[in-house]
Amino acid sequence: MGSKAWAKPGRGNNGTHEEILMGKLAIVKPNRIQNLERVLESAVVVSWADLTRGCQSGLVHIEYGFSPSGTLDYLQVWSSIRRGYWLLACSYWMSPSQLHDSGVHFDNGYQSEGLAHTLGVVMQHQSAFALPPNLGRQGLLQITTPTEMESMAAAASMRDVSDCAGSALTETPLATS
């Protein structure tokens, strides 16, 4: 591969974004539908310090479940900064039930305004993203401690989501507790 394989994230000369996320180079073209799992990974990486409470290393899981219509019904973000010990950082539910309200809710002392905002936009505008296939089970993403390049790529990806979502970023109501 030429120098583009190791290029810093940013705009290429053809209007694309070159990104390295989770060790992989990706060319993101404007107005292209982004993969929802990739957007969720980027949101976690951008909020890494909030989810690992400032620790330099850790592991984050995103668990999600589908509604009968094939869209995501909920997601949960779990954080581990000590091997074998997981804490629920936050959850997002599309519909309320007797056990929870709809929207984003933080648990166990976690808080991240940026993550809350991004989850609200993503979950309320799922049709703007390529959804993962519903394989009849819960989905799970595992995100390891990001490198500096992965963090820069995630920030670029979040800027693209903001650009694509436009006014939706300022119009999405969020519930927090």
N, C-alpha and C. Protein backbone atom coordinates (compact mmCIF):
# COMPACT_ATOMS: atom_id res chain seq x y z
N MET A 1 0.84 -1.17 0.00
CA MET A 1 0.00 0.00 0.00
C MET A 1 0.88 1.24 0.00
N GLY A 2 0.38 2.28 -0.61
CA GLY A 2 1.09 3.54 -0.64
C GLY A 2 0.90 4.32 0.65
N SER A 3 1.26 5.58 0.60
CA SER A 3 1.21 6.40 1.80
C SER A 3 -0.22 6.60 2.31
N LYS A 4 -1.22 6.44 1.46
CA LYS A 4 -2.60 6.62 1.92
C LYS A 4 -2.99 5.61 2.99
N ALA A 5 -2.38 4.43 2.99
CA ALA A 5 -2.73 3.42 3.97
C ALA A 5 -2.37 3.86 5.39
N TRP A 6 -1.44 4.79 5.51
CA TRP A 6 -1.03 5.24 6.83
C TRP A 6 -1.29 6.73 7.02
N ALA A 7 -2.15 7.30 6.20
CA ALA A 7 -2.43 8.74 6.27
C ALA A 7 -3.18 9.07 7.55
N LYS A 8 -2.96 10.29 8.02
CA LYS A 8 -3.73 10.78 9.16
C LYS A 8 -5.18 10.94 8.73
N PRO A 9 -6.11 10.76 9.68
CA PRO A 9 -7.50 10.99 9.32
C PRO A 9 -7.70 12.43 8.86
N GLY A 10 -8.49 12.59 7.85
CA GLY A 10 -8.77 13.93 7.34
C GLY A 10 -9.32 13.84 5.94
N ARG A 11 -9.50 14.98 5.32
CA ARG A 11 -10.06 15.00 3.97
C ARG A 11 -8.98 14.69 2.95
N GLY A 12 -9.29 13.75 2.07
CA GLY A 12 -8.39 13.43 0.97
C GLY A 12 -8.60 14.43 -0.15
N ASN A 13 -7.79 14.33 -1.19
CA ASN A 13 -7.90 15.29 -2.29
C ASN A 13 -9.11 15.03 -3.17
N ASN A 14 -9.82 13.92 -2.96
CA ASN A 14 -11.01 13.63 -3.75
C ASN A 14 -12.30 13.82 -2.95
N GLY A 15 -12.20 14.50 -1.78
CA GLY A 15 -13.40 14.79 -0.99
C GLY A 15 -13.81 13.67 -0.05
N THR A 16 -13.02 12.59 0.00
CA THR A 16 -13.34 11.50 0.92
C THR A 16 -12.64 11.74 2.24
N HIS A 17 -13.03 10.98 3.23
CA HIS A 17 -12.33 10.98 4.52
C HIS A 17 -11.54 9.69 4.59
N GLU A 18 -10.28 9.79 4.97
CA GLU A 18 -9.49 8.61 5.22
C GLU A 18 -9.45 8.43 6.72
N GLU A 19 -9.82 7.24 7.19
CA GLU A 19 -9.88 7.00 8.62
C GLU A 19 -9.23 5.68 8.96
N ILE A 20 -8.58 5.64 10.10
CA ILE A 20 -8.09 4.39 10.65
C ILE A 20 -8.86 4.19 11.94
N LEU A 21 -9.71 3.17 11.97
CA LEU A 21 -10.52 2.90 13.15
C LEU A 21 -10.39 1.43 13.48
N MET A 22 -10.07 1.16 14.71
CA MET A 22 -9.88 -0.20 15.19
C MET A 22 -8.88 -0.96 14.30
N GLY A 23 -7.81 -0.26 13.90
CA GLY A 23 -6.73 -0.87 13.14
C GLY A 23 -7.01 -1.06 11.67
N LYS A 24 -8.09 -0.50 11.15
CA LYS A 24 -8.44 -0.69 9.75
C LYS A 24 -8.57 0.66 9.06
N LEU A 25 -8.06 0.76 7.85
CA LEU A 25 -8.20 1.97 7.07
C LEU A 25 -9.55 1.94 6.38
N ALA A 26 -10.26 3.02 6.45
CA ALA A 26 -11.56 3.10 5.78
C ALA A 26 -11.63 4.42 5.04
N ILE A 27 -12.16 4.39 3.87
CA ILE A 27 -12.42 5.60 3.11
C ILE A 27 -13.91 5.87 3.23
N VAL A 28 -14.26 6.99 3.84
CA VAL A 28 -15.66 7.34 4.04
C VAL A 28 -16.01 8.45 3.07
N LYS A 29 -16.95 8.18 2.20
CA LYS A 29 -17.37 9.17 1.22
C LYS A 29 -18.53 9.97 1.77
N PRO A 30 -18.54 11.28 1.52
CA PRO A 30 -19.66 12.10 1.97
C PRO A 30 -20.98 11.56 1.43
N ASN A 31 -22.04 11.73 2.22
CA ASN A 31 -23.39 11.32 1.84
C ASN A 31 -23.55 9.81 1.72
N ARG A 32 -22.59 9.04 2.20
CA ARG A 32 -22.70 7.60 2.20
C ARG A 32 -23.29 7.19 3.54
N ILE A 33 -24.16 6.21 3.53
CA ILE A 33 -24.77 5.75 4.77
C ILE A 33 -23.71 5.04 5.60
N GLN A 34 -23.54 5.50 6.84
CA GLN A 34 -22.55 4.90 7.72
C GLN A 34 -23.15 3.70 8.44
N ASN A 35 -22.31 2.75 8.75
CA ASN A 35 -22.67 1.56 9.49
C ASN A 35 -22.95 1.95 10.95
N LEU A 36 -24.10 1.56 11.48
CA LEU A 36 -24.50 1.93 12.83
C LEU A 36 -23.52 1.41 13.87
N GLU A 37 -23.04 0.19 13.72
CA GLU A 37 -22.08 -0.34 14.69
C GLU A 37 -20.80 0.49 14.70
N ARG A 38 -20.37 0.92 13.55
CA ARG A 38 -19.16 1.74 13.47
C ARG A 38 -19.38 3.10 14.14
N VAL A 39 -20.55 3.67 13.95
CA VAL A 39 -20.87 4.95 14.59
C VAL A 39 -20.89 4.78 16.11
N LEU A 40 -21.47 3.68 16.59
CA LEU A 40 -21.49 3.43 18.03
C LEU A 40 -20.08 3.25 18.58
N GLU A 41 -19.22 2.52 17.85
CA GLU A 41 -17.83 2.37 18.26
C GLU A 41 -17.15 3.73 18.36
N SER A 42 -17.37 4.56 17.36
CA SER A 42 -16.75 5.90 17.35
C SER A 42 -17.25 6.73 18.52
N ALA A 43 -18.54 6.64 18.82
CA ALA A 43 -19.09 7.39 19.95
C ALA A 43 -18.44 6.97 21.27
N VAL A 44 -18.20 5.68 21.42
CA VAL A 44 -17.55 5.18 22.63
C VAL A 44 -16.10 5.66 22.69
N VAL A 45 -15.39 5.58 21.57
CA VAL A 45 -13.99 6.01 21.55
C VAL A 45 -13.88 7.49 21.89
N VAL A 46 -14.76 8.32 21.34
CA VAL A 46 -14.73 9.75 21.63
C VAL A 46 -15.03 10.01 23.11
N SER A 47 -15.81 9.15 23.73
CA SER A 47 -16.19 9.31 25.14
C SER A 47 -15.36 8.41 26.06
N TRP A 48 -14.24 7.93 25.58
CA TRP A 48 -13.45 6.93 26.30
C TRP A 48 -13.12 7.34 27.74
N ALA A 49 -12.65 8.56 27.93
CA ALA A 49 -12.26 9.01 29.28
C ALA A 49 -13.44 8.95 30.25
N ASP A 50 -14.64 9.29 29.76
CA ASP A 50 -15.84 9.24 30.61
C ASP A 50 -16.20 7.80 30.97
N LEU A 51 -16.00 6.88 30.03
CA LEU A 51 -16.42 5.50 30.24
C LEU A 51 -15.39 4.67 31.00
N THR A 52 -14.16 5.14 31.05
CA THR A 52 -13.13 4.41 31.79
C THR A 52 -12.66 5.21 33.00
N ARG A 53 -13.40 6.27 33.29
CA ARG A 53 -13.12 7.12 34.46
C ARG A 53 -11.67 7.57 34.51
N GLY A 54 -11.16 7.92 33.32
CA GLY A 54 -9.80 8.46 33.23
C GLY A 54 -8.69 7.43 33.24
N CYS A 55 -9.01 6.15 33.40
CA CYS A 55 -7.97 5.12 33.36
C CYS A 55 -7.43 5.01 31.93
N GLN A 56 -6.15 4.68 31.83
CA GLN A 56 -5.53 4.62 30.51
C GLN A 56 -5.96 3.40 29.71
N SER A 57 -6.33 2.33 30.38
CA SER A 57 -6.75 1.15 29.64
C SER A 57 -8.08 0.65 30.20
N GLY A 58 -8.75 -0.12 29.39
CA GLY A 58 -10.04 -0.66 29.78
C GLY A 58 -10.68 -1.36 28.61
N LEU A 59 -11.90 -1.76 28.79
CA LEU A 59 -12.66 -2.45 27.77
C LEU A 59 -14.10 -1.99 27.90
N VAL A 60 -14.75 -1.78 26.77
CA VAL A 60 -16.16 -1.35 26.75
C VAL A 60 -16.92 -2.30 25.84
N HIS A 61 -18.08 -2.74 26.31
CA HIS A 61 -18.99 -3.55 25.51
C HIS A 61 -20.24 -2.74 25.23
N ILE A 62 -20.75 -2.87 24.03
CA ILE A 62 -22.07 -2.33 23.69
C ILE A 62 -22.94 -3.52 23.34
N GLU A 63 -23.98 -3.71 24.11
CA GLU A 63 -24.93 -4.78 23.85
C GLU A 63 -26.19 -4.12 23.30
N TYR A 64 -26.79 -4.72 22.28
CA TYR A 64 -28.02 -4.15 21.73
C TYR A 64 -29.00 -5.25 21.37
N GLY A 65 -30.28 -4.89 21.40
CA GLY A 65 -31.35 -5.81 21.05
C GLY A 65 -32.27 -5.17 20.03
N PHE A 66 -32.92 -6.01 19.27
CA PHE A 66 -33.79 -5.57 18.19
C PHE A 66 -35.26 -5.56 18.59
N SER A 67 -36.00 -4.67 17.96
CA SER A 67 -37.46 -4.68 18.08
C SER A 67 -38.00 -5.60 16.98
N PRO A 68 -39.29 -5.96 17.04
CA PRO A 68 -39.86 -6.80 15.99
C PRO A 68 -39.74 -6.19 14.58
N SER A 69 -39.65 -4.86 14.50
CA SER A 69 -39.56 -4.21 13.19
C SER A 69 -38.15 -4.25 12.60
N GLY A 70 -37.17 -4.73 13.37
CA GLY A 70 -35.80 -4.84 12.85
C GLY A 70 -34.89 -3.69 13.23
N THR A 71 -35.42 -2.67 13.88
CA THR A 71 -34.58 -1.57 14.36
C THR A 71 -34.10 -1.91 15.77
N LEU A 72 -33.16 -1.13 16.26
CA LEU A 72 -32.68 -1.38 17.62
C LEU A 72 -33.74 -0.92 18.62
N ASP A 73 -34.01 -1.76 19.59
CA ASP A 73 -34.96 -1.45 20.65
C ASP A 73 -34.24 -0.83 21.84
N TYR A 74 -33.03 -1.31 22.11
CA TYR A 74 -32.25 -0.79 23.23
C TYR A 74 -30.77 -1.04 22.98
N LEU A 75 -29.97 -0.33 23.74
CA LEU A 75 -28.55 -0.66 23.81
C LEU A 75 -28.07 -0.36 25.22
N GLN A 76 -27.04 -1.09 25.62
CA GLN A 76 -26.42 -0.89 26.92
C GLN A 76 -24.91 -0.78 26.72
N VAL A 77 -24.30 0.14 27.43
CA VAL A 77 -22.86 0.33 27.37
C VAL A 77 -22.28 -0.11 28.72
N TRP A 78 -21.40 -1.10 28.68
CA TRP A 78 -20.77 -1.67 29.86
C TRP A 78 -19.29 -1.33 29.86
N SER A 79 -18.73 -0.98 31.02
CA SER A 79 -17.34 -0.59 31.13
C SER A 79 -16.60 -1.51 32.10
N SER A 80 -15.37 -1.86 31.72
CA SER A 80 -14.51 -2.66 32.59
C SER A 80 -13.14 -2.00 32.65
N ILE A 81 -12.78 -1.54 33.84
CA ILE A 81 -11.44 -0.99 34.02
C ILE A 81 -10.60 -1.92 34.90
N ARG A 82 -11.25 -2.96 35.41
CA ARG A 82 -10.55 -4.00 36.17
C ARG A 82 -11.00 -5.34 35.61
N ARG A 83 -10.05 -6.17 35.24
CA ARG A 83 -10.34 -7.45 34.60
C ARG A 83 -11.42 -8.24 35.34
N GLY A 84 -12.44 -8.66 34.57
CA GLY A 84 -13.52 -9.48 35.12
C GLY A 84 -14.61 -8.72 35.86
N TYR A 85 -14.51 -7.40 35.93
CA TYR A 85 -15.47 -6.61 36.69
C TYR A 85 -16.12 -5.60 35.74
N TRP A 86 -17.43 -5.73 35.52
CA TRP A 86 -18.16 -4.89 34.58
C TRP A 86 -19.18 -4.04 35.31
N LEU A 87 -19.32 -2.79 34.88
CA LEU A 87 -20.35 -1.90 35.38
C LEU A 87 -21.18 -1.36 34.22
N LEU A 88 -22.48 -1.32 34.40
CA LEU A 88 -23.35 -0.71 33.40
C LEU A 88 -23.12 0.80 33.46
N ALA A 89 -22.65 1.36 32.36
CA ALA A 89 -22.41 2.80 32.30
C ALA A 89 -23.68 3.54 31.89
N CYS A 90 -24.34 3.04 30.85
CA CYS A 90 -25.59 3.68 30.42
C CYS A 90 -26.40 2.74 29.56
N SER A 91 -27.65 3.08 29.41
CA SER A 91 -28.55 2.33 28.53
C SER A 91 -29.42 3.33 27.79
N TYR A 92 -29.91 2.89 26.65
CA TYR A 92 -30.85 3.69 25.86
C TYR A 92 -31.99 2.77 25.46
N TRP A 93 -33.19 3.16 25.79
CA TRP A 93 -34.39 2.40 25.45
C TRP A 93 -35.26 3.24 24.53
N MET A 94 -35.74 2.63 23.47
CA MET A 94 -36.62 3.33 22.54
C MET A 94 -38.03 3.48 23.11
N SER A 95 -38.48 2.52 23.89
CA SER A 95 -39.84 2.54 24.44
C SER A 95 -39.78 2.39 25.95
N PRO A 96 -40.68 3.07 26.65
CA PRO A 96 -40.71 2.91 28.12
C PRO A 96 -41.37 1.59 28.51
N SER A 97 -41.07 1.15 29.71
CA SER A 97 -41.75 -0.01 30.28
C SER A 97 -41.92 0.27 31.77
N GLN A 98 -42.43 -0.70 32.51
CA GLN A 98 -42.58 -0.54 33.95
C GLN A 98 -41.22 -0.45 34.63
N LEU A 99 -40.18 -0.96 33.99
CA LEU A 99 -38.85 -1.00 34.59
C LEU A 99 -37.96 0.18 34.21
N HIS A 100 -38.30 0.87 33.12
CA HIS A 100 -37.43 1.96 32.66
C HIS A 100 -38.21 2.94 31.79
N ASP A 101 -37.72 4.16 31.72
CA ASP A 101 -38.26 5.17 30.81
C ASP A 101 -37.56 5.04 29.47
N SER A 102 -38.06 5.73 28.46
CA SER A 102 -37.36 5.76 27.18
C SER A 102 -36.22 6.78 27.26
N GLY A 103 -35.29 6.67 26.35
CA GLY A 103 -34.17 7.60 26.29
C GLY A 103 -32.93 7.04 26.95
N VAL A 104 -31.97 7.92 27.16
CA VAL A 104 -30.68 7.51 27.73
C VAL A 104 -30.69 7.68 29.25
N HIS A 105 -30.07 6.73 29.93
CA HIS A 105 -29.99 6.74 31.38
C HIS A 105 -28.61 6.27 31.79
N PHE A 106 -27.96 7.02 32.65
CA PHE A 106 -26.64 6.66 33.14
C PHE A 106 -26.77 5.97 34.49
N ASP A 107 -25.85 5.04 34.73
CA ASP A 107 -25.86 4.26 35.96
C ASP A 107 -24.48 4.26 36.60
N ASN A 108 -24.43 3.85 37.85
CA ASN A 108 -23.18 3.62 38.58
C ASN A 108 -22.23 4.81 38.58
N GLY A 109 -22.80 6.01 38.59
CA GLY A 109 -21.99 7.22 38.67
C GLY A 109 -21.39 7.68 37.36
N TYR A 110 -21.69 7.01 36.27
CA TYR A 110 -21.17 7.43 34.96
C TYR A 110 -22.00 8.59 34.44
N GLN A 111 -21.35 9.46 33.66
CA GLN A 111 -22.03 10.58 33.02
C GLN A 111 -21.20 11.01 31.83
N SER A 112 -21.84 11.27 30.71
CA SER A 112 -21.16 11.76 29.52
C SER A 112 -22.17 12.50 28.66
N GLU A 113 -22.09 13.80 28.67
CA GLU A 113 -23.02 14.61 27.88
C GLU A 113 -22.88 14.31 26.40
N GLY A 114 -21.64 14.17 25.94
CA GLY A 114 -21.39 13.89 24.52
C GLY A 114 -21.96 12.55 24.09
N LEU A 115 -21.75 11.52 24.89
CA LEU A 115 -22.28 10.20 24.56
C LEU A 115 -23.80 10.21 24.61
N ALA A 116 -24.38 10.87 25.60
CA ALA A 116 -25.84 10.96 25.69
C ALA A 116 -26.41 11.61 24.44
N HIS A 117 -25.77 12.67 24.00
CA HIS A 117 -26.24 13.39 22.82
C HIS A 117 -26.15 12.51 21.57
N THR A 118 -25.01 11.85 21.40
CA THR A 118 -24.80 11.00 20.22
C THR A 118 -25.77 9.83 20.22
N LEU A 119 -25.94 9.16 21.36
CA LEU A 119 -26.87 8.03 21.41
C LEU A 119 -28.29 8.47 21.09
N GLY A 120 -28.68 9.64 21.58
CA GLY A 120 -30.01 10.16 21.27
C GLY A 120 -30.21 10.35 19.78
N VAL A 121 -29.23 10.95 19.13
CA VAL A 121 -29.33 11.18 17.69
C VAL A 121 -29.35 9.86 16.93
N VAL A 122 -28.44 8.98 17.26
CA VAL A 122 -28.33 7.70 16.54
C VAL A 122 -29.58 6.86 16.73
N MET A 123 -30.04 6.72 17.95
CA MET A 123 -31.20 5.86 18.20
C MET A 123 -32.49 6.44 17.63
N GLN A 124 -32.64 7.76 17.65
CA GLN A 124 -33.84 8.38 17.11
C GLN A 124 -33.84 8.47 15.59
N HIS A 125 -32.67 8.33 14.99
CA HIS A 125 -32.55 8.46 13.53
C HIS A 125 -31.85 7.24 12.94
N GLN A 126 -32.27 6.06 13.37
CA GLN A 126 -31.64 4.82 12.92
C GLN A 126 -31.71 4.63 11.42
N SER A 127 -32.76 5.14 10.80
CA SER A 127 -32.91 4.96 9.35
C SER A 127 -31.82 5.68 8.56
N ALA A 128 -31.08 6.57 9.20
CA ALA A 128 -30.00 7.28 8.52
C ALA A 128 -28.72 6.44 8.47
N PHE A 129 -28.73 5.27 9.10
CA PHE A 129 -27.55 4.43 9.18
C PHE A 129 -27.84 3.03 8.67
N ALA A 130 -26.80 2.32 8.28
CA ALA A 130 -26.93 0.92 7.89
C ALA A 130 -26.99 0.10 9.18
N LEU A 131 -28.14 -0.51 9.43
CA LEU A 131 -28.34 -1.27 10.66
C LEU A 131 -27.65 -2.63 10.56
N PRO A 132 -27.21 -3.17 11.70
CA PRO A 132 -26.64 -4.52 11.68
C PRO A 132 -27.75 -5.53 11.38
N PRO A 133 -27.38 -6.68 10.85
CA PRO A 133 -28.42 -7.68 10.56
C PRO A 133 -29.00 -8.24 11.86
N ASN A 134 -30.30 -8.48 11.87
CA ASN A 134 -30.97 -9.08 13.01
C ASN A 134 -30.84 -10.59 12.87
N LEU A 135 -29.95 -11.17 13.66
CA LEU A 135 -29.70 -12.61 13.59
C LEU A 135 -30.52 -13.38 14.63
N GLY A 136 -31.54 -12.72 15.18
CA GLY A 136 -32.41 -13.37 16.15
C GLY A 136 -31.80 -13.45 17.53
N ARG A 137 -30.78 -12.68 17.79
CA ARG A 137 -30.13 -12.66 19.09
C ARG A 137 -29.63 -11.25 19.36
N GLN A 138 -29.13 -11.03 20.56
CA GLN A 138 -28.57 -9.72 20.88
C GLN A 138 -27.25 -9.54 20.15
N GLY A 139 -26.94 -8.27 19.86
CA GLY A 139 -25.65 -7.95 19.27
C GLY A 139 -24.70 -7.48 20.34
N LEU A 140 -23.42 -7.65 20.10
CA LEU A 140 -22.41 -7.25 21.07
C LEU A 140 -21.19 -6.72 20.34
N LEU A 141 -20.77 -5.53 20.71
CA LEU A 141 -19.53 -4.94 20.21
C LEU A 141 -18.56 -4.85 21.37
N GLN A 142 -17.31 -5.17 21.12
CA GLN A 142 -16.28 -5.03 22.14
C GLN A 142 -15.27 -4.02 21.64
N ILE A 143 -15.00 -3.01 22.45
CA ILE A 143 -14.08 -1.94 22.06
C ILE A 143 -12.93 -1.93 23.05
N THR A 144 -11.72 -2.08 22.53
CA THR A 144 -10.53 -2.06 23.36
C THR A 144 -9.97 -0.65 23.43
N THR A 145 -9.01 -0.44 24.30
CA THR A 145 -8.40 0.87 24.48
C THR A 145 -7.94 1.41 23.13
N PRO A 146 -8.44 2.57 22.71
CA PRO A 146 -8.08 3.09 21.38
C PRO A 146 -6.67 3.69 21.35
N THR A 147 -6.06 3.58 20.18
CA THR A 147 -4.79 4.26 19.96
C THR A 147 -5.08 5.73 19.65
N GLU A 148 -4.04 6.53 19.58
CA GLU A 148 -4.22 7.95 19.24
C GLU A 148 -4.84 8.09 17.85
N MET A 149 -4.39 7.28 16.90
CA MET A 149 -4.94 7.35 15.54
C MET A 149 -6.41 6.94 15.53
N GLU A 150 -6.77 5.91 16.30
CA GLU A 150 -8.17 5.49 16.37
C GLU A 150 -9.04 6.57 17.00
N SER A 151 -8.49 7.25 17.99
CA SER A 151 -9.24 8.35 18.62
C SER A 151 -9.47 9.48 17.63
N MET A 152 -8.44 9.81 16.83
CA MET A 152 -8.60 10.87 15.82
C MET A 152 -9.60 10.45 14.75
N ALA A 153 -9.56 9.19 14.34
CA ALA A 153 -10.50 8.69 13.34
C ALA A 153 -11.93 8.71 13.87
N ALA A 154 -12.10 8.35 15.14
CA ALA A 154 -13.43 8.36 15.76
C ALA A 154 -13.98 9.78 15.82
N ALA A 155 -13.13 10.74 16.15
CA ALA A 155 -13.57 12.14 16.19
C ALA A 155 -14.00 12.59 14.79
N ALA A 156 -13.25 12.20 13.76
CA ALA A 156 -13.62 12.54 12.38
C ALA A 156 -14.95 11.89 12.01
N SER A 157 -15.15 10.65 12.42
CA SER A 157 -16.40 9.96 12.14
C SER A 157 -17.58 10.66 12.81
N MET A 158 -17.38 11.12 14.05
CA MET A 158 -18.45 11.82 14.76
C MET A 158 -18.76 13.17 14.09
N ARG A 159 -17.73 13.83 13.54
CA ARG A 159 -17.99 15.07 12.79
C ARG A 159 -18.83 14.77 11.56
N ASP A 160 -18.55 13.65 10.88
CA ASP A 160 -19.35 13.26 9.72
C ASP A 160 -20.79 12.98 10.11
N VAL A 161 -20.98 12.30 11.24
CA VAL A 161 -22.34 12.02 11.72
C VAL A 161 -23.06 13.33 12.01
N SER A 162 -22.36 14.27 12.64
CA SER A 162 -22.95 15.57 12.94
C SER A 162 -23.31 16.30 11.66
N ASP A 163 -22.43 16.26 10.67
CA ASP A 163 -22.69 16.92 9.40
C ASP A 163 -23.90 16.30 8.71
N CYS A 164 -23.98 14.95 8.72
CA CYS A 164 -25.09 14.27 8.05
C CYS A 164 -26.41 14.46 8.79
N ALA A 165 -26.34 14.47 10.12
CA ALA A 165 -27.56 14.61 10.91
C ALA A 165 -28.08 16.04 10.89
N GLY A 166 -27.19 17.00 10.68
CA GLY A 166 -27.58 18.40 10.61
C GLY A 166 -28.36 18.86 11.81
N SER A 167 -29.54 19.36 11.58
CA SER A 167 -30.33 19.93 12.65
C SER A 167 -30.85 18.88 13.63
N ALA A 168 -30.80 17.61 13.25
CA ALA A 168 -31.27 16.57 14.16
C ALA A 168 -30.50 16.58 15.47
N LEU A 169 -29.25 17.02 15.42
CA LEU A 169 -28.44 17.06 16.64
C LEU A 169 -29.00 18.02 17.66
N THR A 170 -29.63 19.07 17.23
CA THR A 170 -30.15 20.04 18.18
C THR A 170 -31.63 19.82 18.49
N GLU A 171 -32.28 18.90 17.77
CA GLU A 171 -33.70 18.69 17.96
C GLU A 171 -34.05 17.44 18.74
N THR A 172 -33.09 16.55 19.01
CA THR A 172 -33.40 15.28 19.65
C THR A 172 -33.56 15.46 21.14
N PRO A 173 -34.74 15.14 21.70
CA PRO A 173 -34.91 15.25 23.15
C PRO A 173 -34.19 14.09 23.85
N LEU A 174 -33.58 14.37 24.98
CA LEU A 174 -32.86 13.36 25.72
C LEU A 174 -33.40 13.27 27.13
N ALA A 175 -33.48 12.05 27.65
CA ALA A 175 -33.84 11.84 29.05
C ALA A 175 -32.60 11.34 29.76
N THR A 176 -32.28 11.90 30.89
CA THR A 176 -31.14 11.40 31.66
C THR A 176 -31.53 11.21 33.11
N SER A 177 -30.88 10.25 33.72
CA SER A 177 -31.09 10.04 35.16
C SER A 177 -29.91 9.31 35.73
